C-alpha atoms as a PDB file:
ATOM      1  CA  GLN A   1       0.000  -0.004   0.000  1.00  0.00           C
ATOM      2  CA  VAL A   2       1.096   3.582  -0.659  1.00  0.00           C
ATOM      3  CA  GLN A   3       2.404   5.240   2.574  1.00  0.00           C
ATOM      4  CA  LEU A   4       2.923   8.919   3.297  1.00  0.00           C
ATOM      5  CA  VAL A   5       4.908  10.166   6.221  1.00  0.00           C
ATOM      6  CA  GLU A   6       4.559  13.755   7.415  1.00  0.00           C
ATOM      7  CA  SER A   7       7.105  15.560   9.532  1.00  0.00           C
ATOM      8  CA  GLY A   8       8.183  19.035  10.585  1.00  0.00           C
ATOM      9  CA  GLY A   9       5.280  19.968  12.813  1.00  0.00           C
ATOM     10  CA  GLY A  10       5.760  21.637  16.140  1.00  0.00           C
ATOM     11  CA  SER A  11       4.987  24.688  18.311  1.00  0.00           C
ATOM     12  CA  VAL A  12       5.888  28.193  17.200  1.00  0.00           C
ATOM     13  CA  GLN A  13       4.955  31.760  18.197  1.00  0.00           C
ATOM     14  CA  ALA A  14       2.855  33.961  15.946  1.00  0.00           C
ATOM     15  CA  GLY A  15       4.879  35.342  13.116  1.00  0.00           C
ATOM     16  CA  GLY A  16       7.198  32.363  12.993  1.00  0.00           C
ATOM     17  CA  SER A  17       7.770  29.701  10.380  1.00  0.00           C
ATOM     18  CA  LEU A  18       7.720  25.925   9.938  1.00  0.00           C
ATOM     19  CA  ARG A  19       8.405  23.625   7.009  1.00  0.00           C
ATOM     20  CA  LEU A  20       6.401  20.479   6.712  1.00  0.00           C
ATOM     21  CA  SER A  21       7.564  17.456   4.720  1.00  0.00           C
ATOM     22  CA  CYS A  22       5.600  14.646   3.069  1.00  0.00           C
ATOM     23  CA  GLU A  23       7.623  11.606   1.926  1.00  0.00           C
ATOM     24  CA  VAL A  24       5.801   9.187  -0.350  1.00  0.00           C
ATOM     25  CA  SER A  25       6.771   5.567  -0.219  1.00  0.00           C
ATOM     26  CA  SER A  26       8.873   3.965  -3.017  1.00  0.00           C
ATOM     27  CA  GLY A  27       6.934   1.899  -5.537  1.00  0.00           C
ATOM     28  CA  TYR A  28       4.382   4.594  -6.024  1.00  0.00           C
ATOM     29  CA  THR A  29       4.088   6.475  -9.353  1.00  0.00           C
ATOM     30  CA  TYR A  30       5.133   9.788  -7.828  1.00  0.00           C
ATOM     31  CA  ALA A  31       5.897  11.325 -11.238  1.00  0.00           C
ATOM     32  CA  ARG A  32       2.228  11.238 -12.264  1.00  0.00           C
ATOM     33  CA  ALA A  33       0.578  12.258  -9.014  1.00  0.00           C
ATOM     34  CA  CYS A  34      -1.199  15.078  -7.273  1.00  0.00           C
ATOM     35  CA  VAL A  35      -0.066  15.763  -3.701  1.00  0.00           C
ATOM     36  CA  GLY A  36      -2.120  17.962  -1.386  1.00  0.00           C
ATOM     37  CA  TRP A  37      -1.879  19.402   2.149  1.00  0.00           C
ATOM     38  CA  PHE A  38      -5.049  19.568   4.297  1.00  0.00           C
ATOM     39  CA  ARG A  39      -5.667  20.600   7.847  1.00  0.00           C
ATOM     40  CA  GLN A  40      -8.351  19.868  10.415  1.00  0.00           C
ATOM     41  CA  ALA A  41      -8.698  21.371  13.889  1.00  0.00           C
ATOM     42  CA  PRO A  42     -10.947  19.892  16.655  1.00  0.00           C
ATOM     43  CA  GLY A  43     -14.612  20.708  15.958  1.00  0.00           C
ATOM     44  CA  LYS A  44     -13.841  22.078  12.492  1.00  0.00           C
ATOM     45  CA  GLU A  45     -14.225  20.710   8.950  1.00  0.00           C
ATOM     46  CA  ARG A  46     -11.248  19.562   6.911  1.00  0.00           C
ATOM     47  CA  GLU A  47      -9.786  22.338   4.926  1.00  0.00           C
ATOM     48  CA  ALA A  48      -7.741  22.198   1.751  1.00  0.00           C
ATOM     49  CA  VAL A  49      -4.510  24.155   2.158  1.00  0.00           C
ATOM     50  CA  ALA A  50      -2.350  23.643  -0.952  1.00  0.00           C
ATOM     51  CA  ALA A  51      -1.783  21.165  -3.773  1.00  0.00           C
ATOM     52  CA  ILE A  52       0.865  20.439  -6.378  1.00  0.00           C
ATOM     53  CA  HIS A  53       1.065  18.259  -9.447  1.00  0.00           C
ATOM     54  CA  THR A  54       4.278  16.335  -9.549  1.00  0.00           C
ATOM     55  CA  THR A  55       4.444  16.260 -13.364  1.00  0.00           C
ATOM     56  CA  ASN A  56       4.279  19.969 -14.111  1.00  0.00           C
ATOM     57  CA  SER A  57       4.539  21.567 -10.691  1.00  0.00           C
ATOM     58  CA  ARG A  58       1.188  23.405 -11.062  1.00  0.00           C
ATOM     59  CA  THR A  59       0.079  24.632  -7.654  1.00  0.00           C
ATOM     60  CA  SER A  60      -3.112  25.655  -5.912  1.00  0.00           C
ATOM     61  CA  TYR A  61      -3.537  27.523  -2.566  1.00  0.00           C
ATOM     62  CA  ALA A  62      -6.378  28.317  -0.269  1.00  0.00           C
ATOM     63  CA  ASN A  63      -7.081  32.062  -0.051  1.00  0.00           C
ATOM     64  CA  SER A  64      -6.342  31.973   3.685  1.00  0.00           C
ATOM     65  CA  VAL A  65      -2.692  31.025   3.028  1.00  0.00           C
ATOM     66  CA  LYS A  66      -1.827  32.731  -0.230  1.00  0.00           C
ATOM     67  CA  GLY A  67       1.296  34.799   0.140  1.00  0.00           C
ATOM     68  CA  ARG A  68       2.271  33.036   3.348  1.00  0.00           C
ATOM     69  CA  PHE A  69       2.558  29.322   2.405  1.00  0.00           C
ATOM     70  CA  THR A  70       4.542  27.778  -0.414  1.00  0.00           C
ATOM     71  CA  ILE A  71       4.232  24.200  -1.639  1.00  0.00           C
ATOM     72  CA  SER A  72       7.173  22.562  -3.536  1.00  0.00           C
ATOM     73  CA  GLN A  73       8.702  19.222  -4.398  1.00  0.00           C
ATOM     74  CA  ASP A  74      11.898  17.301  -4.632  1.00  0.00           C
ATOM     75  CA  SER A  75      11.187  14.566  -7.191  1.00  0.00           C
ATOM     76  CA  ALA A  76      14.543  12.832  -6.449  1.00  0.00           C
ATOM     77  CA  LYS A  77      13.323  12.257  -2.810  1.00  0.00           C
ATOM     78  CA  ASN A  78       9.631  11.666  -3.581  1.00  0.00           C
ATOM     79  CA  THR A  79       9.002  14.466  -1.110  1.00  0.00           C
ATOM     80  CA  VAL A  80       6.575  17.415  -1.095  1.00  0.00           C
ATOM     81  CA  TYR A  81       7.132  20.425   1.251  1.00  0.00           C
ATOM     82  CA  LEU A  82       4.985  23.048   2.715  1.00  0.00           C
ATOM     83  CA  GLN A  83       6.805  26.145   3.811  1.00  0.00           C
ATOM     84  CA  MET A  84       4.671  28.118   6.227  1.00  0.00           C
ATOM     85  CA  ASN A  85       5.631  31.715   7.059  1.00  0.00           C
ATOM     86  CA  SER A  86       3.935  34.411   9.108  1.00  0.00           C
ATOM     87  CA  LEU A  87       2.087  31.705  11.050  1.00  0.00           C
ATOM     88  CA  GLN A  88      -0.919  32.865  13.060  1.00  0.00           C
ATOM     89  CA  PRO A  89      -2.953  31.186  15.772  1.00  0.00           C
ATOM     90  CA  GLU A  90      -5.743  30.359  13.352  1.00  0.00           C
ATOM     91  CA  ASP A  91      -3.217  28.142  11.483  1.00  0.00           C
ATOM     92  CA  THR A  92      -3.180  25.788  14.471  1.00  0.00           C
ATOM     93  CA  SER A  93      -4.342  22.378  13.231  1.00  0.00           C
ATOM     94  CA  MET A  94      -3.407  18.835  12.461  1.00  0.00           C
ATOM     95  CA  TYR A  95      -1.903  18.920   8.949  1.00  0.00           C
ATOM     96  CA  TYR A  96      -2.340  15.958   6.612  1.00  0.00           C
ATOM     97  CA  CYS A  97      -0.634  14.988   3.350  1.00  0.00           C
ATOM     98  CA  ALA A  98      -2.549  13.089   0.698  1.00  0.00           C
ATOM     99  CA  THR A  99      -1.894  11.800  -2.851  1.00  0.00           C
ATOM    100  CA  SER A 100      -3.637  10.274  -5.887  1.00  0.00           C
ATOM    101  CA  LEU A 101      -2.617   9.522  -9.373  1.00  0.00           C
ATOM    102  CA  CYS A 102      -3.486  12.447 -11.759  1.00  0.00           C
ATOM    103  CA  LEU A 103      -3.449  13.311 -15.390  1.00  0.00           C
ATOM    104  CA  SER A 104      -1.045  16.137 -16.067  1.00  0.00           C
ATOM    105  CA  SER A 105      -3.969  18.339 -17.247  1.00  0.00           C
ATOM    106  CA  TYR A 106      -5.806  18.225 -13.884  1.00  0.00           C
ATOM    107  CA  LEU A 107      -4.849  19.192 -10.334  1.00  0.00           C
ATOM    108  CA  ALA A 108      -6.946  17.699  -7.586  1.00  0.00           C
ATOM    109  CA  THR A 109      -7.835  20.302  -4.905  1.00  0.00           C
ATOM    110  CA  GLN A 110     -10.600  18.670  -2.827  1.00  0.00           C
ATOM    111  CA  ALA A 111     -10.229  15.978  -0.139  1.00  0.00           C
ATOM    112  CA  HIS A 112     -12.595  13.511  -1.798  1.00  0.00           C
ATOM    113  CA  GLU A 113     -10.334  13.414  -4.845  1.00  0.00           C
ATOM    114  CA  TYR A 114      -7.498  11.870  -2.900  1.00  0.00           C
ATOM    115  CA  LYS A 115      -7.078   8.201  -2.183  1.00  0.00           C
ATOM    116  CA  TYR A 116      -4.024   7.885   0.129  1.00  0.00           C
ATOM    117  CA  TRP A 117      -3.501   9.806   3.354  1.00  0.00           C
ATOM    118  CA  GLY A 118      -0.801  10.252   5.934  1.00  0.00           C
ATOM    119  CA  GLN A 119      -1.159  10.106   9.727  1.00  0.00           C
ATOM    120  CA  GLY A 120      -0.807  13.891  10.149  1.00  0.00           C
ATOM    121  CA  THR A 121       1.547  16.232  11.959  1.00  0.00           C
ATOM    122  CA  GLN A 122       0.457  18.765  14.567  1.00  0.00           C
ATOM    123  CA  VAL A 123       1.145  22.521  14.161  1.00  0.00           C
ATOM    124  CA  THR A 124       0.446  24.823  17.102  1.00  0.00           C
ATOM    125  CA  VAL A 125       0.813  28.604  16.890  1.00  0.00           C
ATOM    126  CA  SER A 126       0.704  30.640  20.064  1.00  0.00           C
ATOM    127  CA  ALA A 127      -0.354  34.318  20.254  1.00  0.00           C
END
């Protein structure tokens, strides 16, 4: 089965930065995949944060994180990153990485479009 391992979460003060990593297991067709970051806080609905297509590096961002977060990839390591700058308390959440095979012409941006999910990494931002 495809496995995704998230890392890089932690606690930071408002205005600080963190970089999350999502490593996809070997044997998966990483070169033809969509990879997305989602977050879900207690009592709240799951929210799409950012997504990237591994074939052409097309990206998508939620309005709430545009200009602050950047998604990128290192294809040699089968790893996708989420650089988070200017963090605010409202960014506090469990962050999840997900992936599915995708045609190069389409970038999946919604949770129901993704098949494989990681266990999540906690991000806590204090005021």
